[in-house]
C-alpha atoms as a PDB file:
ATOM      1  CA  MET A   1      63.336  96.639 132.614  1.00  0.00           C
ATOM      2  CA  ILE A   2      66.440  96.842 130.405  1.00  0.00           C
ATOM      3  CA  THR A   3      69.490  98.299 132.130  1.00  0.00           C
ATOM      4  CA  GLU A   4      73.262  98.379 131.702  1.00  0.00           C
ATOM      5  CA  THR A   5      76.152  98.172 134.151  1.00  0.00           C
ATOM      6  CA  GLU A   6      79.853  97.461 134.353  1.00  0.00           C
ATOM      7  CA  GLY A   7      80.785  94.273 136.140  1.00  0.00           C
ATOM      8  CA  ILE A   8      83.439  91.675 136.918  1.00  0.00           C
ATOM      9  CA  VAL A   9      82.695  87.992 136.318  1.00  0.00           C
ATOM     10  CA  ILE A  10      83.091  86.098 139.597  1.00  0.00           C
ATOM     11  CA  ARG A  11      82.106  82.663 138.304  1.00  0.00           C
ATOM     12  CA  GLN A  12      79.863  80.901 135.825  1.00  0.00           C
ATOM     13  CA  THR A  13      77.904  77.646 135.997  1.00  0.00           C
ATOM     14  CA  LYS A  14      76.348  75.680 133.145  1.00  0.00           C
ATOM     15  CA  THR A  15      72.657  74.933 133.628  1.00  0.00           C
ATOM     16  CA  ALA A  16      69.955  73.139 131.647  1.00  0.00           C
ATOM     17  CA  TYR A  17      69.198  73.709 127.943  1.00  0.00           C
ATOM     18  CA  GLY A  18      72.545  75.320 127.169  1.00  0.00           C
ATOM     19  CA  ARG A  19      72.034  78.230 129.560  1.00  0.00           C
ATOM     20  CA  ARG A  20      74.613  79.516 132.004  1.00  0.00           C
ATOM     21  CA  MET A  21      74.348  81.283 135.333  1.00  0.00           C
ATOM     22  CA  ILE A  22      76.861  84.111 135.714  1.00  0.00           C
ATOM     23  CA  VAL A  23      77.746  85.657 139.075  1.00  0.00           C
ATOM     24  CA  LEU A  24      78.723  89.282 138.516  1.00  0.00           C
ATOM     25  CA  LEU A  25      80.093  91.917 140.842  1.00  0.00           C
ATOM     26  CA  THR A  26      78.542  95.026 139.300  1.00  0.00           C
ATOM     27  CA  LYS A  27      78.987  98.738 139.804  1.00  0.00           C
ATOM     28  CA  LYS A  28      75.280  99.436 139.913  1.00  0.00           C
ATOM     29  CA  TYR A  29      73.674  96.469 141.687  1.00  0.00           C
ATOM     30  CA  GLY A  30      76.456  94.842 143.708  1.00  0.00           C
ATOM     31  CA  LYS A  31      76.762  91.068 143.426  1.00  0.00           C
ATOM     32  CA  ILE A  32      74.076  89.500 141.263  1.00  0.00           C
ATOM     33  CA  SER A  33      73.356  86.164 139.600  1.00  0.00           C
ATOM     34  CA  ALA A  34      72.153  86.428 136.023  1.00  0.00           C
ATOM     35  CA  GLY A  35      71.111  83.753 133.561  1.00  0.00           C
ATOM     36  CA  THR A  36      72.035  83.880 129.900  1.00  0.00           C
ATOM     37  CA  SER A  37      71.576  81.891 126.693  1.00  0.00           C
ATOM     38  CA  ILE A  38      74.619  83.458 125.019  1.00  0.00           C
ATOM     39  CA  THR A  39      76.722  80.603 123.627  1.00  0.00           C
ATOM     40  CA  GLU A  40      80.507  80.272 123.567  1.00  0.00           C
ATOM     41  CA  GLY A  41      80.700  79.064 119.954  1.00  0.00           C
ATOM     42  CA  GLY A  42      81.686  80.955 116.840  1.00  0.00           C
ATOM     43  CA  LYS A  43      82.852  84.554 117.017  1.00  0.00           C
ATOM     44  CA  ASN A  44      80.402  85.649 119.671  1.00  0.00           C
ATOM     45  CA  LYS A  45      82.030  88.680 121.307  1.00  0.00           C
ATOM     46  CA  SER A  46      79.479  88.665 124.115  1.00  0.00           C
ATOM     47  CA  ALA A  47      80.616  85.174 125.163  1.00  0.00           C
ATOM     48  CA  LEU A  48      84.169  86.428 125.756  1.00  0.00           C
ATOM     49  CA  ALA A  49      82.849  88.895 128.319  1.00  0.00           C
ATOM     50  CA  LEU A  50      81.222  86.092 130.320  1.00  0.00           C
ATOM     51  CA  ARG A  51      84.443  84.358 131.340  1.00  0.00           C
ATOM     52  CA  PRO A  52      85.950  84.669 134.851  1.00  0.00           C
ATOM     53  CA  PHE A  53      88.661  87.332 135.291  1.00  0.00           C
ATOM     54  CA  THR A  54      86.813  89.576 132.825  1.00  0.00           C
ATOM     55  CA  ARG A  55      85.600  93.114 133.409  1.00  0.00           C
ATOM     56  CA  GLY A  56      82.890  94.089 130.999  1.00  0.00           C
ATOM     57  CA  ARG A  57      79.775  96.087 130.211  1.00  0.00           C
ATOM     58  CA  TYR A  58      76.560  94.090 130.507  1.00  0.00           C
ATOM     59  CA  GLU A  59      73.062  94.676 129.172  1.00  0.00           C
ATOM     60  CA  LEU A  60      70.636  93.180 131.674  1.00  0.00           C
ATOM     61  CA  PHE A  61      66.960  92.461 131.768  1.00  0.00           C
ATOM     62  CA  LYS A  62      65.986  93.118 135.371  1.00  0.00           C
ATOM     63  CA  GLY A  63      62.859  91.263 136.350  1.00  0.00           C
ATOM     64  CA  ARG A  64      61.050  91.277 139.662  1.00  0.00           C
ATOM     65  CA  ASP A  65      63.167  88.490 141.155  1.00  0.00           C
ATOM     66  CA  SER A  66      65.920  87.772 138.653  1.00  0.00           C
ATOM     67  CA  TYR A  67      68.371  89.097 136.076  1.00  0.00           C
ATOM     68  CA  SER A  68      69.166  87.949 132.551  1.00  0.00           C
ATOM     69  CA  ILE A  69      72.154  88.982 130.417  1.00  0.00           C
ATOM     70  CA  ASN A  70      71.050  90.022 126.940  1.00  0.00           C
ATOM     71  CA  GLY A  71      74.444  91.205 125.708  1.00  0.00           C
ATOM     72  CA  ALA A  72      77.981  91.863 126.913  1.00  0.00           C
ATOM     73  CA  GLU A  73      81.117  93.697 125.863  1.00  0.00           C
ATOM     74  CA  THR A  74      84.636  93.148 127.216  1.00  0.00           C
ATOM     75  CA  ILE A  75      86.422  96.112 128.800  1.00  0.00           C
ATOM     76  CA  GLU A  76      89.431  94.172 130.168  1.00  0.00           C
ATOM     77  CA  SER A  77      90.015  90.430 129.955  1.00  0.00           C
ATOM     78  CA  TYR A  78      93.126  89.993 132.162  1.00  0.00           C
ATOM     79  CA  TYR A  79      93.881  87.027 129.880  1.00  0.00           C
ATOM     80  CA  SER A  80      97.522  86.543 130.940  1.00  0.00           C
ATOM     81  CA  ILE A  81      96.460  85.648 134.487  1.00  0.00           C
ATOM     82  CA  GLY A  82      95.875  82.092 133.297  1.00  0.00           C
ATOM     83  CA  GLU A  83      99.475  81.697 132.112  1.00  0.00           C
ATOM     84  CA  ASP A  84     100.885  81.109 135.616  1.00  0.00           C
ATOM     85  CA  ILE A  85      99.344  78.709 138.132  1.00  0.00           C
ATOM     86  CA  GLU A  86     100.225  80.825 141.187  1.00  0.00           C
ATOM     87  CA  LYS A  87      98.983  84.018 139.545  1.00  0.00           C
ATOM     88  CA  TYR A  88      95.792  82.200 138.538  1.00  0.00           C
ATOM     89  CA  SER A  89      95.322  80.939 142.107  1.00  0.00           C
ATOM     90  CA  CYS A  90      95.773  84.446 143.546  1.00  0.00           C
ATOM     91  CA  ALA A  91      93.168  85.799 141.124  1.00  0.00           C
ATOM     92  CA  ALA A  92      90.745  82.941 141.776  1.00  0.00           C
ATOM     93  CA  GLY A  93      91.186  83.406 145.521  1.00  0.00           C
ATOM     94  CA  ALA A  94      90.244  87.083 145.284  1.00  0.00           C
ATOM     95  CA  LEU A  95      87.120  86.291 143.247  1.00  0.00           C
ATOM     96  CA  GLU A  96      86.114  83.549 145.689  1.00  0.00           C
ATOM     97  CA  LEU A  97      86.694  85.839 148.664  1.00  0.00           C
ATOM     98  CA  ALA A  98      84.604  88.634 147.145  1.00  0.00           C
ATOM     99  CA  ASP A  99      81.839  86.125 146.440  1.00  0.00           C
ATOM    100  CA  LYS A 100      81.837  84.895 150.050  1.00  0.00           C
ATOM    101  CA  MET A 101      82.037  88.364 151.601  1.00  0.00           C
ATOM    102  CA  LEU A 102      79.132  89.873 149.659  1.00  0.00           C
ATOM    103  CA  GLU A 103      75.417  89.236 149.985  1.00  0.00           C
ATOM    104  CA  ASP A 104      73.291  89.318 146.830  1.00  0.00           C
ATOM    105  CA  GLU A 105      72.579  92.884 145.647  1.00  0.00           C
ATOM    106  CA  GLN A 106      74.651  94.346 148.465  1.00  0.00           C
ATOM    107  CA  GLN A 107      76.088  97.664 147.279  1.00  0.00           C
ATOM    108  CA  ALA A 108      79.814  97.120 146.871  1.00  0.00           C
ATOM    109  CA  GLN A 109      81.419  99.977 144.950  1.00  0.00           C
ATOM    110  CA  GLY A 110      84.506  99.767 147.159  1.00  0.00           C
ATOM    111  CA  MET A 111      84.975  96.047 146.527  1.00  0.00           C
ATOM    112  CA  TYR A 112      84.362  96.517 142.801  1.00  0.00           C
ATOM    113  CA  ASN A 113      87.094  99.160 142.628  1.00  0.00           C
ATOM    114  CA  LEU A 114      89.495  97.123 144.765  1.00  0.00           C
ATOM    115  CA  LEU A 115      88.981  93.934 142.765  1.00  0.00           C
ATOM    116  CA  SER A 116      89.285  95.723 139.420  1.00  0.00           C
ATOM    117  CA  GLU A 117      92.538  97.384 140.505  1.00  0.00           C
ATOM    118  CA  TYR A 118      93.875  94.136 141.967  1.00  0.00           C
ATOM    119  CA  LEU A 119      93.305  92.118 138.783  1.00  0.00           C
ATOM    120  CA  SER A 120      94.905  94.832 136.676  1.00  0.00           C
ATOM    121  CA  ILE A 121      98.031  94.965 138.872  1.00  0.00           C
ATOM    122  CA  LEU A 122      98.215  91.183 139.226  1.00  0.00           C
ATOM    123  CA  GLU A 123      98.103  90.655 135.464  1.00  0.00           C
ATOM    124  CA  LYS A 124     101.207  92.821 134.984  1.00  0.00           C
ATOM    125  CA  ARG A 125     103.126  91.582 138.039  1.00  0.00           C
ATOM    126  CA  LYS A 126     106.085  89.306 137.246  1.00  0.00           C
ATOM    127  CA  SER A 127     106.674  87.549 140.587  1.00  0.00           C
ATOM    128  CA  ASP A 128     105.655  87.228 144.259  1.00  0.00           C
ATOM    129  CA  PHE A 129     101.941  87.223 143.510  1.00  0.00           C
ATOM    130  CA  GLY A 130     101.214  86.047 147.051  1.00  0.00           C
ATOM    131  CA  THR A 131     102.262  89.386 148.548  1.00  0.00           C
ATOM    132  CA  LEU A 132      99.722  91.203 146.415  1.00  0.00           C
ATOM    133  CA  PHE A 133      97.065  88.682 147.453  1.00  0.00           C
ATOM    134  CA  LEU A 134      97.915  89.374 151.113  1.00  0.00           C
ATOM    135  CA  ALA A 135      97.443  93.093 150.474  1.00  0.00           C
ATOM    136  CA  PHE A 136      94.095  92.477 148.777  1.00  0.00           C
ATOM    137  CA  ARG A 137      92.805  90.469 151.747  1.00  0.00           C
ATOM    138  CA  ILE A 138      93.948  93.077 154.255  1.00  0.00           C
ATOM    139  CA  LYS A 139      92.276  95.884 152.292  1.00  0.00           C
ATOM    140  CA  ALA A 140      89.092  93.849 151.807  1.00  0.00           C
ATOM    141  CA  LEU A 141      88.816  93.541 155.600  1.00  0.00           C
ATOM    142  CA  GLU A 142      88.991  97.326 155.935  1.00  0.00           C
ATOM    143  CA  LEU A 143      86.144  97.754 153.441  1.00  0.00           C
ATOM    144  CA  PHE A 144      83.908  95.613 155.648  1.00  0.00           C
ATOM    145  CA  GLY A 145      84.835  97.295 158.939  1.00  0.00           C
ATOM    146  CA  SER A 146      86.878  94.321 160.147  1.00  0.00           C
ATOM    147  CA  GLY A 147      90.354  95.741 159.657  1.00  0.00           C
ATOM    148  CA  ILE A 148      93.313  94.730 161.806  1.00  0.00           C
ATOM    149  CA  ASN A 149      94.173  97.460 164.343  1.00  0.00           C
ATOM    150  CA  VAL A 150      97.963  97.732 164.450  1.00  0.00           C
ATOM    151  CA  LYS A 151      98.406 101.374 165.474  1.00  0.00           C
ATOM    152  CA  SER A 152      98.388 100.630 169.196  1.00  0.00           C
ATOM    153  CA  CYS A 153      97.644  97.924 171.722  1.00  0.00           C
ATOM    154  CA  VAL A 154      93.924  97.178 171.497  1.00  0.00           C
ATOM    155  CA  LYS A 155      93.828  96.601 175.264  1.00  0.00           C
ATOM    156  CA  CYS A 156      95.817  99.460 176.814  1.00  0.00           C
ATOM    157  CA  GLY A 157      96.552 101.841 173.930  1.00  0.00           C
ATOM    158  CA  LYS A 158     100.363 101.661 174.109  1.00  0.00           C
ATOM    159  CA  THR A 159     102.113 102.240 170.798  1.00  0.00           C
ATOM    160  CA  ASP A 160     105.401 100.512 171.620  1.00  0.00           C
ATOM    161  CA  GLY A 161     106.295  96.982 172.622  1.00  0.00           C
ATOM    162  CA  LEU A 162     103.608  95.460 170.403  1.00  0.00           C
ATOM    163  CA  LYS A 163     104.279  91.737 170.597  1.00  0.00           C
ATOM    164  CA  CYS A 164     101.466  89.836 168.924  1.00  0.00           C
ATOM    165  CA  ILE A 165      98.196  90.021 167.006  1.00  0.00           C
ATOM    166  CA  SER A 166      95.110  88.805 168.818  1.00  0.00           C
ATOM    167  CA  VAL A 167      92.317  87.734 166.489  1.00  0.00           C
ATOM    168  CA  PRO A 168      89.534  87.847 169.144  1.00  0.00           C
ATOM    169  CA  ASP A 169      90.664  91.265 170.417  1.00  0.00           C
ATOM    170  CA  GLY A 170      90.856  92.796 166.950  1.00  0.00           C
ATOM    171  CA  GLY A 171      94.518  93.661 166.544  1.00  0.00           C
ATOM    172  CA  ALA A 172      97.926  94.232 168.079  1.00  0.00           C
ATOM    173  CA  VAL A 173      98.585  93.555 171.748  1.00  0.00           C
ATOM    174  CA  CYS A 174     101.619  94.679 173.724  1.00  0.00           C
ATOM    175  CA  GLU A 175     103.867  92.349 175.714  1.00  0.00           C
ATOM    176  CA  ASP A 176     102.396  93.419 179.063  1.00  0.00           C
ATOM    177  CA  CYS A 177      98.788  92.815 177.997  1.00  0.00           C
ATOM    178  CA  ALA A 178      99.520  89.580 176.162  1.00  0.00           C
ATOM    179  CA  GLY A 179     100.845  87.840 179.261  1.00  0.00           C
ATOM    180  CA  PRO A 180     102.562  84.446 179.409  1.00  0.00           C
ATOM    181  CA  SER A 181      99.437  82.524 178.319  1.00  0.00           C
ATOM    182  CA  ALA A 182      99.352  84.149 174.858  1.00  0.00           C
ATOM    183  CA  GLU A 183     101.602  81.453 173.387  1.00  0.00           C
ATOM    184  CA  LEU A 184      99.001  78.808 174.265  1.00  0.00           C
ATOM    185  CA  ASN A 185      96.123  80.549 172.471  1.00  0.00           C
ATOM    186  CA  PRO A 186      95.794  79.440 168.798  1.00  0.00           C
ATOM    187  CA  LEU A 187      94.102  82.738 167.936  1.00  0.00           C
ATOM    188  CA  ILE A 188      96.980  84.880 169.198  1.00  0.00           C
ATOM    189  CA  PHE A 189      99.942  85.113 166.804  1.00  0.00           C
ATOM    190  CA  ASP A 190     103.483  86.255 167.441  1.00  0.00           C
ATOM    191  CA  ALA A 191     104.234  89.414 165.460  1.00  0.00           C
ATOM    192  CA  GLY A 192     107.865  88.489 164.769  1.00  0.00           C
ATOM    193  CA  ASP A 193     109.609  91.438 166.422  1.00  0.00           C
ATOM    194  CA  ASP A 194     106.777  93.631 165.092  1.00  0.00           C
ATOM    195  CA  ILE A 195     107.728  93.074 161.419  1.00  0.00           C
ATOM    196  CA  ILE A 196     104.238  91.725 160.631  1.00  0.00           C
ATOM    197  CA  ILE A 197     102.652  94.715 162.370  1.00  0.00           C
ATOM    198  CA  LYS A 198     104.778  97.104 160.304  1.00  0.00           C
ATOM    199  CA  ILE A 199     103.855  95.349 157.048  1.00  0.00           C
ATOM    200  CA  ILE A 200     100.122  95.420 157.827  1.00  0.00           C
ATOM    201  CA  ASP A 201     100.376  99.093 158.826  1.00  0.00           C
ATOM    202  CA  PHE A 202     102.186  99.899 155.563  1.00  0.00           C
ATOM    203  CA  ILE A 203      99.575  98.090 153.460  1.00  0.00           C
ATOM    204  CA  GLN A 204      96.702  99.817 155.228  1.00  0.00           C
ATOM    205  CA  ALA A 205      98.330 103.230 154.792  1.00  0.00           C
ATOM    206  CA  HIS A 206      98.815 103.004 151.021  1.00  0.00           C
ATOM    207  CA  PRO A 207      96.523 102.401 148.029  1.00  0.00           C
ATOM    208  CA  LEU A 208      96.910  99.065 146.290  1.00  0.00           C
ATOM    209  CA  ARG A 209      98.521 100.725 143.268  1.00  0.00           C
ATOM    210  CA  ALA A 210     101.359 101.971 145.490  1.00  0.00           C
ATOM    211  CA  LEU A 211     102.119  98.399 146.569  1.00  0.00           C
ATOM    212  CA  GLU A 212     102.992  97.107 143.088  1.00  0.00           C
ATOM    213  CA  LYS A 213     106.634  96.522 144.040  1.00  0.00           C
ATOM    214  CA  LEU A 214     106.081  95.401 147.635  1.00  0.00           C
ATOM    215  CA  SER A 215     107.624  92.004 148.371  1.00  0.00           C
ATOM    216  CA  VAL A 216     107.362  90.046 151.614  1.00  0.00           C
ATOM    217  CA  PRO A 217     109.774  87.194 152.521  1.00  0.00           C
ATOM    218  CA  ASP A 218     108.208  83.747 152.202  1.00  0.00           C
ATOM    219  CA  GLN A 219     108.510  82.926 155.906  1.00  0.00           C
ATOM    220  CA  VAL A 220     106.746  86.152 156.928  1.00  0.00           C
ATOM    221  CA  LYS A 221     104.165  85.705 154.165  1.00  0.00           C
ATOM    222  CA  SER A 222     103.343  82.225 155.466  1.00  0.00           C
ATOM    223  CA  ARG A 223     102.770  83.548 159.008  1.00  0.00           C
ATOM    224  CA  MET A 224     100.622  86.421 157.741  1.00  0.00           C
ATOM    225  CA  THR A 225      98.532  83.974 155.720  1.00  0.00           C
ATOM    226  CA  LYS A 226      97.807  81.978 158.879  1.00  0.00           C
ATOM    227  CA  ILE A 227      96.724  85.155 160.667  1.00  0.00           C
ATOM    228  CA  LEU A 228      94.399  86.154 157.827  1.00  0.00           C
ATOM    229  CA  LYS A 229      92.840  82.689 157.613  1.00  0.00           C
ATOM    230  CA  ALA A 230      92.056  82.814 161.324  1.00  0.00           C
ATOM    231  CA  TRP A 231      90.829  86.421 161.036  1.00  0.00           C
ATOM    232  CA  TYR A 232      88.385  85.721 158.207  1.00  0.00           C
ATOM    233  CA  SER A 233      87.099  82.622 159.973  1.00  0.00           C
ATOM    234  CA  TYR A 234      86.613  84.312 163.355  1.00  0.00           C
ATOM    235  CA  HIS A 235      85.250  87.703 162.261  1.00  0.00           C
ATOM    236  CA  LEU A 236      83.411  86.882 159.024  1.00  0.00           C
ATOM    237  CA  GLY A 237      82.758  83.143 159.228  1.00  0.00           C
ATOM    238  CA  ILE A 238      84.722  82.552 156.020  1.00  0.00           C
ATOM    239  CA  GLU A 239      86.791  79.388 156.067  1.00  0.00           C
ATOM    240  CA  GLY A 240      89.777  78.533 153.858  1.00  0.00           C
ATOM    241  CA  LEU A 241      89.580  79.355 150.167  1.00  0.00           C
ATOM    242  CA  LYS A 242      89.888  76.552 147.614  1.00  0.00           C
ATOM    243  CA  SER A 243      92.829  78.229 145.905  1.00  0.00           C
ATOM    244  CA  GLU A 244      94.865  78.952 149.040  1.00  0.00           C
ATOM    245  CA  SER A 245      96.670  75.608 148.975  1.00  0.00           C
ATOM    246  CA  LEU A 246      98.481  76.759 145.824  1.00  0.00           C
ATOM    247  CA  VAL A 247      99.473  80.176 147.192  1.00  0.00           C
ATOM    248  CA  LEU A 248     102.262  80.872 149.648  1.00  0.00           C
END
């Protein structure tokens, strides 16, 4: 069956006989792997749409157990992402995270929209790319029902005196419920006089487009990154991303 869908290139791998395997996050079919014989040489416009960080329109042959890409057309290439190593790392981290979060052919319209918007904003952003990457990771958690509860203490429901974020408990915990042993637990993180809680709450309350100018101090960003690494590992079984070492 011949079909067509929009998609974002997550990654590509060269295989035997000049073929490539492209992992696409598509509007219609979710995440799929599709083989193609389209070459990169000459003025092949289809080849340009098969590069990572590209959103395109793809003509697919859908077989019983596999997909093949017959043709492709670029919608957005986000080409300037590759001009800055930190920006590139933040983009690569988002693609890698989406790849790890999604099962094959799992419907993922929300992730497709989030990733498309993220790449578009990231391409135009001039500095502090790590803050935008933090926002992407926080919003991705919400899409998968694993968001961080920061509205109230997850143990008693109090809305004031929130002291820390407990990864196993699923969110903010007040000083009374945390107790003196909280500092000894590697999965319970100090909220820094609730500044981290306020930032997470702000990100969750606004669309990504409204966060274009949001900037988080490096020290706070570093602590939030540690929380998110632990969160993804504990709740989704996703360990550190390859690109994270280059992102503050």
